Protein backbone atom coordinates (compact mmCIF):
# COMPACT_ATOMS: atom_id res chain seq x y z
CA MET A 1 0.09 0.08 0.24
CA ALA A 2 1.61 3.10 -1.15
CA ALA A 3 1.51 6.15 2.75
CA ALA A 4 -0.37 7.65 0.70
CA ALA A 5 -3.31 5.56 0.08
CA LEU A 6 -3.00 6.19 4.19
CA LEU A 7 -3.77 10.03 4.39
CA ARG A 8 -7.54 9.72 4.62
CA GLY A 9 -7.95 9.78 8.75
CA THR A 10 -11.21 6.44 8.82
CA ALA A 11 -11.92 3.39 6.82
CA PRO A 12 -14.35 3.34 4.88
CA GLY A 13 -18.25 2.56 5.93
CA ARG A 14 -18.90 1.35 9.75
CA GLY A 15 -15.66 1.29 10.61
CA SER A 16 -16.13 3.33 14.24
CA SER A 17 -19.40 1.00 15.45
CA PHE A 18 -19.25 -2.37 17.24
CA TRP A 19 -22.05 -4.04 15.06
CA GLY A 20 -21.09 -7.40 14.35
CA LEU A 21 -19.23 -9.11 17.09
CA ARG A 22 -18.25 -12.04 16.42
CA LEU A 23 -15.04 -14.72 16.37
CA CYS A 24 -11.98 -12.95 14.79
CA ALA A 25 -10.24 -14.72 11.46
CA ALA A 26 -7.32 -16.12 13.09
CA PRO A 27 -3.73 -14.52 12.04
CA ARG A 28 -1.89 -16.34 9.25
CA ARG A 29 1.04 -17.16 10.66
CA ARG A 30 0.87 -19.08 14.17
CA LEU A 31 2.50 -17.71 17.41
CA THR A 32 5.33 -19.36 19.07
CA HIS A 33 5.95 -19.56 22.66
CA GLY A 34 9.02 -17.77 23.72
CA ALA A 35 9.84 -17.41 20.25
CA GLY A 36 8.69 -13.96 20.34
CA HIS A 37 6.70 -14.10 17.79
CA PRO A 38 4.27 -15.55 15.16
CA GLY A 39 5.62 -18.32 12.67
CA GLY A 40 6.61 -20.86 14.22
CA ASP A 41 5.56 -24.74 14.69
CA ASN A 42 3.18 -24.93 17.56
CA ALA A 43 4.95 -28.25 19.93
CA HIS A 44 2.10 -28.55 21.65
CA GLY A 45 -0.80 -28.77 19.24
CA SER A 46 -2.57 -26.07 22.29
CA PRO A 47 -5.48 -24.34 19.43
CA TRP A 48 -5.39 -21.02 21.88
CA THR A 49 -2.60 -19.51 23.35
CA CYS A 50 -3.69 -17.42 26.37
CA PHE A 51 -1.53 -14.43 27.72
CA PRO A 52 -2.41 -12.96 31.14
CA LEU A 53 -2.39 -9.26 31.55
CA GLY A 54 -0.44 -8.37 34.26
CA GLU A 55 0.08 -4.97 32.74
CA ARG A 56 -3.76 -4.50 32.56
CA ALA A 57 -6.32 -3.25 35.93
CA VAL A 58 -9.63 -2.80 36.12
CA LEU A 59 -12.93 0.03 37.23
CA ARG A 60 -16.14 -0.31 37.10
CA VAL A 61 -18.45 2.27 35.79
CA ARG A 62 -22.29 1.56 37.69
CA GLY A 63 -25.56 3.47 38.23
CA PRO A 64 -28.52 4.81 36.73
CA ASP A 65 -25.69 7.55 34.15
CA SER A 66 -23.09 5.80 33.71
CA ALA A 67 -24.06 5.32 30.10
CA PRO A 68 -24.12 9.03 29.81
CA PHE A 69 -21.60 10.08 31.74
CA LEU A 70 -19.40 7.87 30.00
CA SER A 71 -20.85 8.78 27.08
CA GLY A 72 -19.37 12.36 27.18
CA LEU A 73 -15.88 11.82 27.84
CA LEU A 74 -15.54 8.42 25.27
CA THR A 75 -14.67 8.83 21.51
CA ASN A 76 -17.26 6.02 21.10
CA GLU A 77 -20.02 4.95 21.31
CA LEU A 78 -20.57 2.74 24.05
CA PRO A 79 -21.38 -0.97 23.55
CA LEU A 80 -24.70 -2.55 24.28
CA PRO A 81 -25.64 -5.65 25.26
CA GLY A 82 -26.76 -8.53 23.25
CA THR A 83 -30.00 -9.60 23.11
CA GLY A 84 -31.34 -12.69 25.36
CA THR A 85 -32.67 -16.05 23.68
CA GLY A 86 -35.54 -17.49 25.59
CA THR A 87 -34.01 -18.53 29.34
CA THR A 88 -30.08 -17.57 27.85
CA PRO A 89 -28.81 -13.86 29.19
CA PRO A 90 -28.04 -11.07 27.35
CA ALA A 91 -24.08 -11.27 26.05
CA ALA A 92 -21.94 -9.23 26.96
CA ARG A 93 -20.61 -6.50 24.19
CA ALA A 94 -17.05 -4.50 24.26
CA GLY A 95 -15.71 -1.93 22.58
CA TYR A 96 -12.48 0.55 22.22
CA ALA A 97 -12.32 3.76 23.12
CA HIS A 98 -10.04 7.19 24.46
CA PHE A 99 -10.69 9.13 27.17
CA LEU A 100 -9.13 12.33 25.86
CA ASN A 101 -8.36 16.13 27.25
CA VAL A 102 -9.77 19.41 26.28
CA GLN A 103 -6.70 20.02 23.80
CA GLY A 104 -8.23 16.17 22.77
CA ARG A 105 -5.05 13.98 22.62
CA THR A 106 -5.31 10.89 24.30
CA LEU A 107 -5.09 10.30 28.59
CA TYR A 108 -6.23 6.77 28.21
CA ASP A 109 -7.27 4.24 26.24
CA VAL A 110 -9.93 2.03 27.24
CA ILE A 111 -11.75 -1.15 26.04
CA LEU A 112 -15.28 -1.08 27.45
CA TYR A 113 -17.13 -3.97 28.59
CA ARG A 114 -21.09 -3.46 28.53
CA LEU A 115 -22.39 -5.98 30.97
CA PRO A 116 -26.47 -7.34 31.19
CA GLU A 117 -28.81 -6.13 32.50
CA GLU A 118 -31.12 -7.52 34.57
CA GLY A 119 -32.27 -9.26 37.59
CA VAL A 120 -31.40 -7.51 40.49
CA ASP A 121 -28.08 -5.30 39.98
CA ALA A 122 -29.77 -4.29 37.12
CA ALA A 123 -27.41 -1.00 37.29
CA MET A 124 -23.81 -2.78 36.84
CA GLY A 125 -22.84 -0.61 33.63
CA PHE A 126 -19.40 -0.83 32.29
CA PHE A 127 -15.79 -2.54 33.71
CA LEU A 128 -13.70 -0.33 31.71
CA GLU A 129 -10.52 -1.99 31.16
CA CYS A 130 -7.09 0.18 31.21
CA ASP A 131 -2.69 0.28 31.98
CA ILE A 132 -2.88 -0.56 35.24
CA SER A 133 -0.65 2.39 35.65
CA ALA A 134 -3.09 4.99 35.19
CA VAL A 135 -5.96 3.38 37.52
CA ASP A 136 -5.59 5.75 40.25
CA THR A 137 -5.70 8.27 37.95
CA LEU A 138 -8.36 7.72 35.42
CA GLN A 139 -10.61 7.19 38.71
CA LYS A 140 -9.50 10.54 39.86
CA HIS A 141 -10.66 12.08 36.62
CA LEU A 142 -13.70 10.17 36.37
CA VAL A 143 -14.36 11.37 39.71
CA PHE A 144 -13.82 14.68 38.84
CA TYR A 145 -16.46 14.75 35.92
CA ARG A 146 -18.39 13.22 37.67
CA VAL A 147 -20.30 15.62 39.30
CA ARG A 148 -23.84 15.77 40.29
CA ARG A 149 -24.93 12.12 38.13
CA LYS A 150 -25.67 8.84 39.65
CA VAL A 151 -22.43 6.87 39.02
CA GLU A 152 -20.40 5.00 41.18
CA VAL A 153 -16.69 4.16 40.22
CA GLU A 154 -14.68 1.44 41.72
CA PRO A 155 -11.59 -0.45 41.27
CA CYS A 156 -11.75 -4.48 40.37
CA PRO A 157 -8.65 -5.48 41.36
CA GLU A 158 -9.59 -9.24 42.23
CA LEU A 159 -10.55 -9.24 38.15
CA GLY A 160 -7.96 -10.50 36.12
CA VAL A 161 -7.40 -9.65 32.20
CA TRP A 162 -5.84 -12.64 29.41
CA ALA A 163 -5.80 -11.87 26.23
CA LEU A 164 -6.70 -15.55 23.35
CA LEU A 165 -4.90 -15.48 20.74
CA PRO A 166 -5.04 -18.50 17.88
CA SER A 167 -2.06 -20.42 18.37
CA THR A 168 -3.02 -21.77 14.52
CA SER A 169 -4.69 -21.02 11.31
CA GLU A 170 -6.82 -23.05 12.04
CA ALA A 171 -7.53 -22.92 15.32
CA HIS A 172 -11.12 -20.62 15.34
CA ARG A 173 -12.47 -23.18 12.60
CA ALA A 174 -11.75 -26.37 15.16
CA ARG A 175 -12.70 -25.46 18.27
CA PRO A 176 -14.93 -22.01 18.17
CA LEU A 177 -14.92 -20.04 21.03
CA GLN A 178 -18.53 -18.32 22.05
CA GLU A 179 -19.16 -14.84 23.84
CA LYS A 180 -20.38 -15.56 28.21
CA ALA A 181 -20.49 -13.17 30.71
CA GLU A 182 -21.59 -14.80 33.71
CA GLY A 183 -20.85 -13.43 36.45
CA ALA A 184 -17.95 -11.14 36.59
CA THR A 185 -16.31 -13.80 33.97
CA VAL A 186 -16.06 -12.54 30.08
CA LEU A 187 -15.26 -13.46 27.05
CA THR A 188 -15.69 -12.10 23.64
CA ALA A 189 -13.96 -11.22 21.38
CA ASP A 190 -11.20 -8.03 20.74
CA PRO A 191 -13.68 -4.86 19.31
CA ARG A 192 -10.14 -3.46 17.67
CA THR A 193 -9.30 -5.31 14.97
CA ALA A 194 -9.65 -9.34 14.22
CA CYS A 195 -5.66 -10.32 14.72
CA MET A 196 -5.87 -9.40 17.77
CA GLY A 197 -8.01 -12.25 19.20
CA TRP A 198 -10.58 -12.88 21.89
CA ARG A 199 -10.51 -10.67 25.72
CA LEU A 200 -10.72 -12.64 28.93
CA LEU A 201 -12.20 -10.98 32.01
CA THR A 202 -12.24 -12.95 34.68
CA PRO A 203 -11.87 -13.17 39.01
CA ARG A 204 -8.08 -13.97 39.22
CA GLU A 205 -8.43 -17.49 41.47
CA ASN A 206 -9.79 -18.74 37.11
CA SER A 207 -7.01 -19.51 34.65
CA ALA A 208 -7.88 -19.01 31.17
CA LEU A 209 -7.07 -22.22 30.70
CA LEU A 210 -9.30 -23.98 32.71
CA LEU A 211 -11.88 -21.60 31.24
CA VAL A 212 -11.23 -22.30 26.85
CA PRO A 213 -9.91 -25.86 26.92
CA GLY A 214 -6.94 -27.37 25.39
CA SER A 215 -5.35 -23.62 26.00
CA ARG A 216 -2.05 -22.88 26.58
CA HIS A 217 0.05 -20.45 28.97
CA GLY A 218 1.96 -17.98 26.89
CA ASP A 219 4.68 -15.85 27.29
CA LEU A 220 3.95 -11.67 27.84
CA ARG A 221 6.59 -10.41 26.26
CA ASP A 222 5.16 -12.39 22.69
CA TYR A 223 1.78 -10.81 23.31
CA ARG A 224 3.62 -7.11 23.17
CA ARG A 225 5.92 -8.79 20.34
CA HIS A 226 2.85 -9.88 18.47
CA ARG A 227 0.41 -6.53 19.05
CA TYR A 228 3.56 -4.42 17.28
CA ARG A 229 3.92 -6.10 14.64
CA GLN A 230 0.40 -5.86 14.24
CA GLY A 231 0.51 -1.91 14.74
CA VAL A 232 -1.43 -1.85 18.00
CA PRO A 233 -0.67 0.66 21.27
CA GLU A 234 -1.89 -0.17 24.10
CA GLY A 235 -1.35 1.31 27.48
CA VAL A 236 0.80 4.22 28.61
CA ARG A 237 4.04 3.14 27.66
CA ASP A 238 2.80 3.66 23.44
CA LEU A 239 0.19 6.07 23.83
CA PRO A 240 2.17 8.66 26.54
CA PRO A 241 -0.77 10.77 28.13
CA GLY A 242 -1.43 14.07 26.86
CA VAL A 243 1.20 13.34 23.66
CA ALA A 244 -0.15 11.26 21.18
CA LEU A 245 -3.20 12.25 19.31
CA PRO A 246 -6.13 9.67 18.51
CA LEU A 247 -6.39 9.50 15.21
CA GLU A 248 -2.76 9.84 14.47
CA SER A 249 -2.93 6.54 16.77
CA ASN A 250 -5.13 4.69 14.43
CA LEU A 251 -7.94 4.75 16.96
CA ALA A 252 -10.48 4.84 13.77
CA PHE A 253 -8.58 1.40 11.99
CA MET A 254 -9.47 -0.29 15.11
CA ASN A 255 -13.28 1.02 15.80
CA GLY A 256 -12.47 3.26 18.47
CA VAL A 257 -13.68 6.53 17.82
CA SER A 258 -17.51 7.81 16.41
CA PHE A 259 -17.85 10.51 14.24
CA THR A 260 -21.70 10.56 14.31
CA LYS A 261 -22.04 11.02 17.87
CA GLY A 262 -22.56 13.85 20.75
CA CYS A 263 -19.94 16.13 21.87
CA TYR A 264 -16.89 14.56 23.83
CA MET A 265 -14.38 15.98 25.70
CA GLY A 266 -11.63 16.22 23.04
CA GLN A 267 -13.98 16.37 19.88
CA GLU A 268 -13.13 19.54 17.78
CA LEU A 269 -9.85 18.92 17.13
CA THR A 270 -10.53 14.97 16.36
CA ALA A 271 -13.33 15.88 14.18
CA ARG A 272 -11.67 18.88 12.24
CA THR A 273 -8.64 16.63 11.54
CA HIS A 274 -10.97 14.03 10.08
CA HIS A 275 -13.01 16.03 7.85
CA MET A 276 -9.89 18.21 6.59
CA GLY A 277 -9.39 14.24 5.49
CA VAL A 278 -5.39 14.38 5.69
CA ILE A 279 -3.48 13.25 8.92
CA ARG A 280 0.31 13.60 7.62
CA LYS A 281 1.80 11.46 10.53
CA ARG A 282 1.25 7.57 11.84
CA LEU A 283 1.82 4.70 14.36
CA PHE A 284 3.25 2.61 12.22
CA PRO A 285 4.80 -1.17 13.36
CA VAL A 286 8.65 -0.85 12.85
CA ARG A 287 12.17 -3.61 12.39
CA LEU A 288 14.85 -2.96 14.29
CA HIS A 289 17.78 -4.66 12.77
CA SER A 290 21.01 -3.18 13.93
CA PRO A 291 22.77 -3.98 17.23
CA LEU A 292 20.71 -2.39 20.29
CA PRO A 293 22.43 0.09 23.00
CA SER A 294 21.81 -2.10 25.95
CA ALA A 295 19.55 0.80 28.43
CA GLY A 296 17.43 0.12 25.39
CA ILE A 297 15.73 3.39 23.22
CA ALA A 298 13.99 6.50 24.89
CA PRO A 299 10.66 6.87 24.48
CA GLY A 300 10.79 10.27 22.04
CA THR A 301 14.48 9.71 20.24
CA PRO A 302 14.10 10.75 16.75
CA VAL A 303 13.39 8.74 14.08
CA LEU A 304 16.13 9.82 10.58
CA THR A 305 15.77 9.62 6.94
CA GLU A 306 19.40 8.59 5.58
CA SER A 307 19.63 12.18 4.62
CA GLY A 308 19.18 13.56 7.84
CA LYS A 309 15.98 14.96 8.62
CA ALA A 310 13.13 14.46 10.73
CA ALA A 311 10.63 11.52 9.77
CA GLY A 312 8.97 11.36 13.00
CA LYS A 313 9.74 9.85 16.85
CA PHE A 314 10.94 6.11 18.08
CA ARG A 315 7.84 5.80 20.51
CA ALA A 316 8.40 1.73 21.87
CA SER A 317 9.76 -1.51 21.32
CA GLU A 318 9.73 -4.80 22.56
CA GLY A 319 13.27 -6.57 21.09
CA ASP A 320 13.59 -6.11 17.90
CA VAL A 321 10.40 -5.10 17.45
CA GLY A 322 7.91 -1.56 17.62
CA LEU A 323 6.37 1.27 17.24
CA ALA A 324 6.86 5.20 15.86
CA LEU A 325 5.55 7.75 14.39
CA LEU A 326 5.83 8.58 11.26
CA GLN A 327 6.12 10.72 8.56
CA THR A 328 3.48 8.32 5.83
CA GLU A 329 5.70 10.00 2.87
CA LYS A 330 9.44 8.84 5.12
CA ILE A 331 8.01 5.09 5.61
CA LYS A 332 9.88 3.84 2.25
CA GLY A 333 13.07 5.16 2.83
CA PRO A 334 15.95 4.50 4.61
CA LEU A 335 15.80 5.23 8.34
CA TYR A 336 17.64 5.13 11.08
CA ILE A 337 18.28 6.37 15.19
CA LYS A 338 21.19 7.83 16.54
CA THR A 339 22.36 6.20 19.80
CA SER A 340 25.40 7.34 22.06
CA GLU A 341 26.86 4.21 23.64
CA SER A 342 27.36 2.35 19.70
CA GLY A 343 26.53 2.75 15.99
CA PRO A 344 23.46 4.35 14.67
CA VAL A 345 20.27 2.01 14.64
CA VAL A 346 18.34 1.20 11.64
CA LEU A 347 14.75 0.99 11.65
CA THR A 348 12.56 -0.30 8.75
CA ALA A 349 8.49 0.78 8.85
CA SER A 350 5.96 -1.51 7.67
CA VAL A 351 2.06 -1.17 6.82
CA PRO A 352 -0.08 -3.96 8.56
CA ASP A 353 -2.30 -6.50 6.48
CA TRP A 354 -5.37 -5.28 8.52
CA TRP A 355 -5.29 -1.32 8.15
CA PRO A 356 -8.32 -0.22 5.64
CA LYS A 357 -7.50 0.75 2.33
CA ALA A 358 -8.24 3.95 1.79
CA THR A 359 -10.91 5.24 -0.63
CA LYS A 360 -11.89 8.60 -2.55
């Protein structure tokens, strides 16, 4: 895909909606434990790899005003509860969104889970999955803007977050997963993109290995490497609070913004950028080719072209794969990062297969 094809701010069609959650298509390559990336043999024969995400935490927002309250702060429409059939309760629905500051820059990225509204706890509301280092500041942010609304915000340290990725391209066909919402356990497709598999919230004493038969335990570093290869940012490491711009962070590509909903904090800049139709910088997956400095590469380090001109800034990495905010017109040429410890670190950017094709 030519870099110019990425200049439009959003995908065609209903790229910003939550409709049609389903079993996601698996990555074309395999995910190998310990190898750090998809591509090796699945020696254990397990169709699903379960990654415990210790760097993620959960807040619960509930109360009769929780939906309008969150709607005024988030970039996206709220996920809707499923429709139950007979005695089957409605399934949970998940959505992706950012909280912005008044300047329109990202504060927190969250995955929201809308739970069934029935029985005595009809106002149970939402679970918000966020970076564990931001859980306290996000709670204070919500309490500050709550004003007189009937909303409760509380952390849920008893809940653990898991990511489920197919170990093989045939996993979803051999042993399909079904969305569920039973008590505090929620299993649903990742709302950002098909290549990110499924998401599971469950009490910490429960193991995903028991809830997903035939699965195996994965390493968090492998999960990060998979994310970076797919160009999916997550948490404050990849989306520095008050620094990252949502559309430059590919929020529209990840079904994380609605351009038709009502007002929300930070909407003006996001809407203006979208309607102008041009985004000159994007967060791209990158591969680092040279020997890396022992201390790693600091976030915000300039990325330069072969002639020494600025091409963007390095954001984060796991091993030799990572993310960088780059000018789209400069991603095809040779790029490098200066380091004081060793020679320049050469890097190449790529365009993920799952990104939408730009249309006129």
